[in-house]
């Protein structure tokens, strides 16, 4: 498989990078943190107007899915978002838009997709609880038939930007299988609690459902038959998160190389010392491997390849582990300044460490690979 960017993807990369450098550089995140604010909704809307979410939305609903590269193109955007540690709910919104586009009724697609594509509607995905398989499977939320609809109970953890969401995608076990629902975030019985998050640019929440009533028209697809859709959504999120992690690591490696070539000790650039050269060379090799794994995973998911499930778990485990290893050592190469609040490297490290654990840790994906291999 060719993992190089095509001409359209190169243009998308350049456009996204210029936009983010202008409207949401790393300094913008620091200002948000200092002010105690979440992500900038105006910047999010402007980004959506560039087609970030529209990549998953059919043209009849205001998107560009038919002419775009779906997951592969979204991965290009995700990598650029990683380079500035972007704080908007990109991964979860892409998953929700994809779920509605693939499984929703014409009425559901018309009601929700135009707003998502335009950045006017914010969505969050409520999937699983706090256990070791959080972000990898459903099970913490249940749904049972009640009258003409369903009653939803349980809780979901690590839900990004749930407090700002207009729409919730709820993945629930119904006794016979997996069902998914799209409900308003202000539905009676829904409560949202903030979680402590290591990543300063990502707000996480626990969303609790206390007998929430969902009408029959809130159900996405058929009841109990959403397992295949769930797998597709998870593969998409994993592929996009890997691309974001690559962007985080690549940018950190770039400014670390600049630092070791600018910083002098004992009359020489510290990057000229063999001890650092060997470490940087090893990190470069691991980073290139992560780039290849993430790019392959995104294209495999987009094309629906038979090995897509394996590709995303390989990428997720490799990118997560290598990113934190590389960035931690880059921090050490910065010396004392790397340990200060004023230097940006801790923002990148926080995102990398969070990404390593969210949506399944490397160990959890190793277990998934064993299961896929029948071990």
Protein backbone atom coordinates (compact mmCIF):
# COMPACT_ATOMS: atom_id res chain seq x y z
CA UNK A 1 0.00 0.00 0.00
CA UNK A 2 1.26 3.48 -0.91
CA UNK A 3 1.37 5.55 2.29
CA UNK A 4 2.61 8.77 0.66
CA UNK A 5 0.24 11.74 0.48
CA UNK A 6 -1.38 12.40 -2.87
CA UNK A 7 -1.67 15.88 -4.36
CA UNK A 8 -5.05 16.62 -2.78
CA UNK A 9 -3.86 15.45 0.64
CA UNK A 10 -0.74 17.58 0.38
CA UNK A 11 -2.94 20.60 -0.32
CA UNK A 12 -5.16 19.68 2.64
CA UNK A 13 -2.09 19.38 4.85
CA UNK A 14 -0.72 22.77 3.79
CA UNK A 15 -4.11 24.48 4.20
CA UNK A 16 -4.69 22.98 7.65
CA UNK A 17 -1.19 23.83 8.85
CA UNK A 18 -1.47 27.45 7.73
CA UNK A 19 -4.87 27.80 9.37
CA UNK A 20 -3.71 26.34 12.69
CA UNK A 21 -0.51 28.40 12.75
CA UNK A 22 -2.64 31.51 12.30
CA UNK A 23 -5.73 30.73 14.41
CA UNK A 24 -4.68 28.08 16.93
CA UNK A 25 -0.91 27.91 17.55
CA UNK A 26 0.42 26.26 20.69
CA UNK A 27 0.34 29.65 22.40
CA UNK A 28 -3.46 29.72 22.04
CA UNK A 29 -3.70 26.57 24.16
CA UNK A 30 -1.55 28.14 26.85
CA UNK A 31 -3.86 31.19 26.92
CA UNK A 32 -6.91 28.95 27.25
CA UNK A 33 -5.32 27.05 30.12
CA UNK A 34 -4.30 30.23 31.93
CA UNK A 35 -7.81 31.64 31.50
CA UNK A 36 -9.47 28.39 32.62
CA UNK A 37 -11.33 28.11 29.33
CA UNK A 38 -12.13 25.18 27.06
CA UNK A 39 -11.60 25.08 23.34
CA UNK A 40 -12.34 28.08 21.12
CA UNK A 41 -15.71 27.44 19.46
CA UNK A 42 -15.10 30.08 16.80
CA UNK A 43 -11.86 28.41 15.75
CA UNK A 44 -13.65 25.05 15.80
CA UNK A 45 -16.37 26.40 13.51
CA UNK A 46 -13.80 27.89 11.14
CA UNK A 47 -11.98 24.56 11.03
CA UNK A 48 -15.23 22.75 10.30
CA UNK A 49 -15.80 25.15 7.42
CA UNK A 50 -12.52 23.86 5.97
CA UNK A 51 -14.15 20.42 5.76
CA UNK A 52 -12.74 18.66 8.84
CA UNK A 53 -16.03 16.92 9.72
CA UNK A 54 -17.56 17.16 6.26
CA UNK A 55 -15.12 14.43 5.19
CA UNK A 56 -17.57 11.93 6.74
CA UNK A 57 -20.81 13.62 5.68
CA UNK A 58 -22.64 12.92 2.38
CA UNK A 59 -22.98 15.81 -0.05
CA UNK A 60 -26.76 15.79 0.29
CA UNK A 61 -26.28 16.64 3.98
CA UNK A 62 -23.71 19.37 3.49
CA UNK A 63 -20.58 17.26 3.34
CA UNK A 64 -17.94 16.13 0.86
CA UNK A 65 -17.73 12.40 1.64
CA UNK A 66 -18.21 11.27 -1.95
CA UNK A 67 -15.26 13.29 -3.26
CA UNK A 68 -12.97 13.03 -0.21
CA UNK A 69 -10.75 10.33 1.24
CA UNK A 70 -12.65 9.85 4.50
CA UNK A 71 -10.43 8.43 7.25
CA UNK A 72 -7.26 8.83 5.18
CA UNK A 73 -7.90 12.55 4.64
CA UNK A 74 -9.07 13.05 8.23
CA UNK A 75 -5.78 11.51 9.40
CA UNK A 76 -3.94 14.29 7.55
CA UNK A 77 -5.98 16.83 9.52
CA UNK A 78 -5.47 14.92 12.79
CA UNK A 79 -1.70 14.95 12.38
CA UNK A 80 -1.70 18.71 11.92
CA UNK A 81 -3.94 19.12 14.97
CA UNK A 82 -1.40 17.13 16.95
CA UNK A 83 1.39 19.49 15.96
CA UNK A 84 -0.32 22.33 17.85
CA UNK A 85 -1.91 20.15 20.59
CA UNK A 86 -5.34 21.27 19.40
CA UNK A 87 -8.04 21.23 22.06
CA UNK A 88 -11.24 20.75 20.03
CA UNK A 89 -13.33 17.52 19.99
CA UNK A 90 -12.14 16.31 16.58
CA UNK A 91 -11.96 12.55 17.18
CA UNK A 92 -15.31 12.17 18.88
CA UNK A 93 -17.13 14.42 16.43
CA UNK A 94 -15.75 12.49 13.46
CA UNK A 95 -16.95 9.24 15.05
CA UNK A 96 -20.45 10.63 15.67
CA UNK A 97 -20.73 12.05 12.16
CA UNK A 98 -19.57 8.75 10.68
CA UNK A 99 -22.04 6.76 12.80
CA UNK A 100 -24.99 8.89 11.74
CA UNK A 101 -23.92 8.94 8.09
CA UNK A 102 -23.56 5.14 7.93
CA UNK A 103 -26.38 3.97 10.20
CA UNK A 104 -28.80 6.85 10.55
CA UNK A 105 -32.17 7.15 8.87
CA UNK A 106 -32.67 9.87 6.21
CA UNK A 107 -34.44 11.92 8.87
CA UNK A 108 -31.57 11.53 11.36
CA UNK A 109 -28.97 12.41 8.75
CA UNK A 110 -30.89 15.50 7.70
CA UNK A 111 -31.47 16.58 11.30
CA UNK A 112 -27.90 16.23 12.58
CA UNK A 113 -25.27 16.04 9.85
CA UNK A 114 -25.49 19.57 8.40
CA UNK A 115 -24.90 21.09 11.85
CA UNK A 116 -22.00 18.74 12.57
CA UNK A 117 -20.38 19.44 9.21
CA UNK A 118 -20.69 23.20 9.72
CA UNK A 119 -19.30 23.10 13.27
CA UNK A 120 -22.54 24.49 14.67
CA UNK A 121 -23.50 21.27 16.46
CA UNK A 122 -21.10 19.71 18.97
CA UNK A 123 -21.27 15.99 19.65
CA UNK A 124 -19.74 13.58 22.17
CA UNK A 125 -19.51 9.79 22.12
CA UNK A 126 -20.53 7.93 25.28
CA UNK A 127 -19.06 4.45 25.01
CA UNK A 128 -17.61 2.70 28.03
CA UNK A 129 -16.64 2.97 31.67
CA UNK A 130 -13.39 3.25 33.59
CA UNK A 131 -12.14 -0.34 33.29
CA UNK A 132 -9.06 -1.64 31.45
CA UNK A 133 -11.08 -1.97 28.22
CA UNK A 134 -12.38 1.62 28.34
CA UNK A 135 -12.51 3.04 24.85
CA UNK A 136 -12.41 -0.39 23.25
CA UNK A 137 -15.84 -1.94 23.79
CA UNK A 138 -19.36 -1.18 25.00
CA UNK A 139 -20.78 -2.48 28.24
CA UNK A 140 -21.04 0.24 30.88
CA UNK A 141 -24.38 1.47 29.52
CA UNK A 142 -27.52 -0.60 29.11
CA UNK A 143 -30.69 -0.02 27.12
CA UNK A 144 -33.98 -1.85 27.52
CA UNK A 145 -37.21 -1.58 25.59
CA UNK A 146 -39.74 0.67 27.30
CA UNK A 147 -43.06 1.46 25.68
CA UNK A 148 -42.43 2.77 22.17
CA UNK A 149 -38.79 3.52 22.89
CA UNK A 150 -35.94 2.63 25.21
CA UNK A 151 -34.70 3.37 28.70
CA UNK A 152 -30.96 4.04 29.02
CA UNK A 153 -29.03 3.58 32.25
CA UNK A 154 -25.40 3.43 33.27
CA UNK A 155 -22.42 5.71 32.78
CA UNK A 156 -19.62 6.46 30.34
CA UNK A 157 -16.22 7.82 31.34
CA UNK A 158 -13.52 9.75 29.49
CA UNK A 159 -16.10 11.50 27.30
CA UNK A 160 -14.41 14.48 25.67
CA UNK A 161 -16.11 17.87 25.92
CA UNK A 162 -19.42 16.37 27.01
CA UNK A 163 -20.24 19.53 28.94
CA UNK A 164 -20.28 21.51 25.67
CA UNK A 165 -22.02 18.87 23.55
CA UNK A 166 -25.41 19.43 21.98
CA UNK A 167 -25.73 15.79 20.92
CA UNK A 168 -24.71 12.49 22.52
CA UNK A 169 -24.01 9.26 20.66
CA UNK A 170 -24.73 6.52 23.20
CA UNK A 171 -23.45 2.98 22.65
CA UNK A 172 -25.31 0.52 24.88
CA UNK A 173 -25.76 -3.18 25.49
CA UNK A 174 -29.38 -4.25 25.20
CA UNK A 175 -29.13 -7.90 26.25
CA UNK A 176 -29.16 -9.23 22.71
CA UNK A 177 -26.34 -7.13 21.28
CA UNK A 178 -25.18 -3.54 20.84
CA UNK A 179 -27.51 -0.65 20.09
CA UNK A 180 -26.67 2.99 19.45
CA UNK A 181 -28.75 6.08 20.08
CA UNK A 182 -28.49 9.76 19.28
CA UNK A 183 -30.05 11.88 22.01
CA UNK A 184 -29.92 15.55 23.04
CA UNK A 185 -27.31 16.22 25.69
CA UNK A 186 -29.90 18.02 27.84
CA UNK A 187 -32.25 15.03 28.00
CA UNK A 188 -33.88 14.40 31.39
CA UNK A 189 -31.81 11.96 33.43
CA UNK A 190 -28.45 12.89 31.86
CA UNK A 191 -25.83 14.29 34.23
CA UNK A 192 -22.26 15.28 33.43
CA UNK A 193 -19.30 15.39 35.84
CA UNK A 194 -15.85 16.72 35.04
CA UNK A 195 -12.84 14.41 35.41
CA UNK A 196 -9.29 15.40 36.26
CA UNK A 197 -7.24 15.25 33.06
CA UNK A 198 -3.49 15.19 32.60
CA UNK A 199 -3.84 16.75 29.16
CA UNK A 200 -4.47 20.47 29.68
CA UNK A 201 -6.03 20.79 26.23
CA UNK A 202 -8.61 18.05 26.65
CA UNK A 203 -11.58 18.16 29.01
CA UNK A 204 -12.94 14.75 29.98
CA UNK A 205 -16.22 13.90 31.68
CA UNK A 206 -18.28 11.11 33.18
CA UNK A 207 -21.74 11.06 31.63
CA UNK A 208 -24.41 9.31 33.71
CA UNK A 209 -27.75 8.06 32.43
CA UNK A 210 -30.47 7.58 35.03
CA UNK A 211 -33.38 5.96 33.23
CA UNK A 212 -33.09 8.30 30.25
CA UNK A 213 -36.01 7.93 27.85
CA UNK A 214 -35.03 7.54 24.20
CA UNK A 215 -37.77 7.50 21.61
CA UNK A 216 -37.71 4.92 18.84
CA UNK A 217 -36.49 7.56 16.36
CA UNK A 218 -33.33 8.04 18.46
CA UNK A 219 -32.14 4.52 17.59
CA UNK A 220 -29.38 4.35 14.96
CA UNK A 221 -29.96 1.36 12.70
CA UNK A 222 -31.51 -1.81 14.11
CA UNK A 223 -31.66 -2.62 17.80
CA UNK A 224 -29.01 -5.07 18.91
CA UNK A 225 -27.18 -5.04 15.57
CA UNK A 226 -24.68 -2.19 15.90
CA UNK A 227 -21.60 -4.34 16.53
CA UNK A 228 -20.21 -3.89 13.02
CA UNK A 229 -20.87 -0.14 13.11
CA UNK A 230 -19.16 0.09 16.51
CA UNK A 231 -16.08 -1.70 15.16
CA UNK A 232 -15.91 0.72 12.22
CA UNK A 233 -16.21 3.72 14.53
CA UNK A 234 -13.51 2.42 16.86
CA UNK A 235 -11.15 1.74 13.97
CA UNK A 236 -11.71 5.30 12.76
CA UNK A 237 -11.00 6.84 16.16
CA UNK A 238 -7.90 4.69 16.69
CA UNK A 239 -6.52 5.59 13.25
CA UNK A 240 -7.13 9.30 13.81
CA UNK A 241 -5.66 9.23 17.30
CA UNK A 242 -2.51 7.54 15.96
CA UNK A 243 -2.18 10.28 13.34
CA UNK A 244 -2.58 12.94 16.03
CA UNK A 245 0.07 11.24 18.17
CA UNK A 246 2.44 11.23 15.20
CA UNK A 247 1.89 14.97 14.79
CA UNK A 248 2.57 15.58 18.48
CA UNK A 249 5.78 13.55 18.36
CA UNK A 250 7.01 14.90 15.04
CA UNK A 251 6.70 18.51 16.16
CA UNK A 252 8.44 17.77 19.48
CA UNK A 253 11.28 16.05 17.65
CA UNK A 254 11.60 19.05 15.29
CA UNK A 255 12.04 21.65 17.99
CA UNK A 256 14.31 19.33 19.97
CA UNK A 257 16.63 19.06 16.96
CA UNK A 258 16.62 22.86 16.74
CA UNK A 259 17.48 23.05 20.45
CA UNK A 260 20.41 20.63 20.40
CA UNK A 261 21.88 22.47 17.40
CA UNK A 262 21.48 25.88 19.05
CA UNK A 263 22.53 24.98 22.58
CA UNK A 264 26.29 25.01 23.31
CA UNK A 265 28.15 23.27 26.13
CA UNK A 266 31.93 23.19 26.52
CA UNK A 267 32.29 25.15 23.30
CA UNK A 268 30.29 22.73 21.12
CA UNK A 269 26.69 22.22 20.06
CA UNK A 270 25.27 19.60 22.39
CA UNK A 271 23.85 17.81 19.36
CA UNK A 272 27.38 17.11 18.19
CA UNK A 273 28.05 14.80 21.14
CA UNK A 274 27.85 11.12 20.31
CA UNK A 275 25.63 10.29 23.29
CA UNK A 276 22.86 12.53 21.96
CA UNK A 277 23.43 11.59 18.33
CA UNK A 278 22.76 7.92 19.01
CA UNK A 279 19.60 8.65 21.00
CA UNK A 280 18.28 11.00 18.33
CA UNK A 281 19.00 8.48 15.57
CA UNK A 282 17.11 5.78 17.49
CA UNK A 283 14.17 8.11 18.05
CA UNK A 284 14.12 9.07 14.38
CA UNK A 285 13.83 5.41 13.41
CA UNK A 286 10.99 4.80 15.85
CA UNK A 287 9.20 7.95 14.69
CA UNK A 288 9.40 6.93 11.05
CA UNK A 289 7.99 3.55 12.01
CA UNK A 290 5.10 5.25 13.82
CA UNK A 291 4.41 7.44 10.78
CA UNK A 292 4.28 4.39 8.51
CA UNK A 293 2.08 2.41 10.90
CA UNK A 294 -0.37 5.30 11.35
CA UNK A 295 -0.58 6.05 7.63
CA UNK A 296 -1.11 2.39 6.77
CA UNK A 297 -3.81 2.05 9.43
CA UNK A 298 -5.72 5.10 8.16
CA UNK A 299 -5.74 3.88 4.58
CA UNK A 300 -6.59 0.31 5.59
CA UNK A 301 -9.60 1.54 7.55
CA UNK A 302 -10.69 3.85 4.75
CA UNK A 303 -10.46 1.05 2.18
CA UNK A 304 -12.09 -1.52 4.43
CA UNK A 305 -9.10 -3.86 4.01
CA UNK A 306 -9.25 -7.31 5.63
CA UNK A 307 -6.32 -6.44 7.88
CA UNK A 308 -7.70 -3.07 9.01
CA UNK A 309 -8.52 -4.33 12.52
CA UNK A 310 -4.97 -5.60 12.93
CA UNK A 311 -3.42 -2.49 11.38
CA UNK A 312 -5.09 -0.05 13.77
CA UNK A 313 -4.17 -2.02 16.88
CA UNK A 314 -0.57 -2.39 15.71
CA UNK A 315 -0.44 1.36 15.08
CA UNK A 316 -2.17 2.22 18.37
CA UNK A 317 0.23 0.13 20.46
CA UNK A 318 3.37 1.26 18.60
CA UNK A 319 2.53 4.96 18.30
CA UNK A 320 1.43 5.27 21.92
CA UNK A 321 4.50 3.59 23.38
CA UNK A 322 7.07 5.20 21.09
CA UNK A 323 5.61 8.71 21.40
CA UNK A 324 5.95 8.85 25.16
CA UNK A 325 9.43 7.32 25.04
CA UNK A 326 10.64 9.83 22.45
CA UNK A 327 9.11 12.91 24.04
CA UNK A 328 10.31 12.03 27.53
CA UNK A 329 13.86 11.78 26.24
CA UNK A 330 13.45 15.01 24.26
CA UNK A 331 12.47 16.68 27.53
CA UNK A 332 15.69 15.40 29.12
CA UNK A 333 17.73 16.80 26.22
CA UNK A 334 16.29 20.23 26.96
CA UNK A 335 17.80 20.12 30.42
CA UNK A 336 16.33 22.29 33.16
CA UNK A 337 14.29 24.49 30.84
CA UNK A 338 12.33 21.44 29.70
CA UNK A 339 11.00 21.01 33.24
CA UNK A 340 9.57 24.52 33.45
CA UNK A 341 5.94 25.52 33.03
CA UNK A 342 6.95 28.15 30.48
CA UNK A 343 8.36 25.65 27.96
CA UNK A 344 5.82 24.04 25.62
CA UNK A 345 7.25 20.53 25.74
CA UNK A 346 5.15 19.50 28.74
CA UNK A 347 1.98 20.27 26.74
CA UNK A 348 3.14 17.84 24.06
CA UNK A 349 4.13 15.20 26.62
CA UNK A 350 0.76 15.46 28.36
CA UNK A 351 -1.06 14.86 25.07
CA UNK A 352 1.19 11.91 24.18
CA UNK A 353 0.77 10.24 27.58
CA UNK A 354 -3.00 10.76 27.46
CA UNK A 355 -3.23 9.36 23.93
CA UNK A 356 -1.23 6.33 24.98
CA UNK A 357 -3.94 5.38 27.50
CA UNK A 358 -7.17 6.76 26.03
CA UNK A 359 -9.09 4.49 23.62
CA UNK A 360 -7.08 1.50 24.82
CA UNK A 361 -3.55 1.24 26.16
CA UNK A 362 -0.78 -0.56 24.24
CA UNK A 363 -1.27 -3.56 26.54
CA UNK A 364 -5.01 -3.63 25.79
CA UNK A 365 -4.32 -3.51 22.05
CA UNK A 366 -1.74 -6.29 22.39
CA UNK A 367 -4.51 -8.38 23.95
CA UNK A 368 -6.83 -7.43 21.09
CA UNK A 369 -4.19 -8.51 18.57
CA UNK A 370 -3.94 -11.88 20.31
CA UNK A 371 -7.70 -12.26 20.09
CA UNK A 372 -7.69 -11.36 16.39
CA UNK A 373 -4.99 -13.95 15.83
CA UNK A 374 -7.06 -16.55 17.65
CA UNK A 375 -4.55 -16.96 20.47
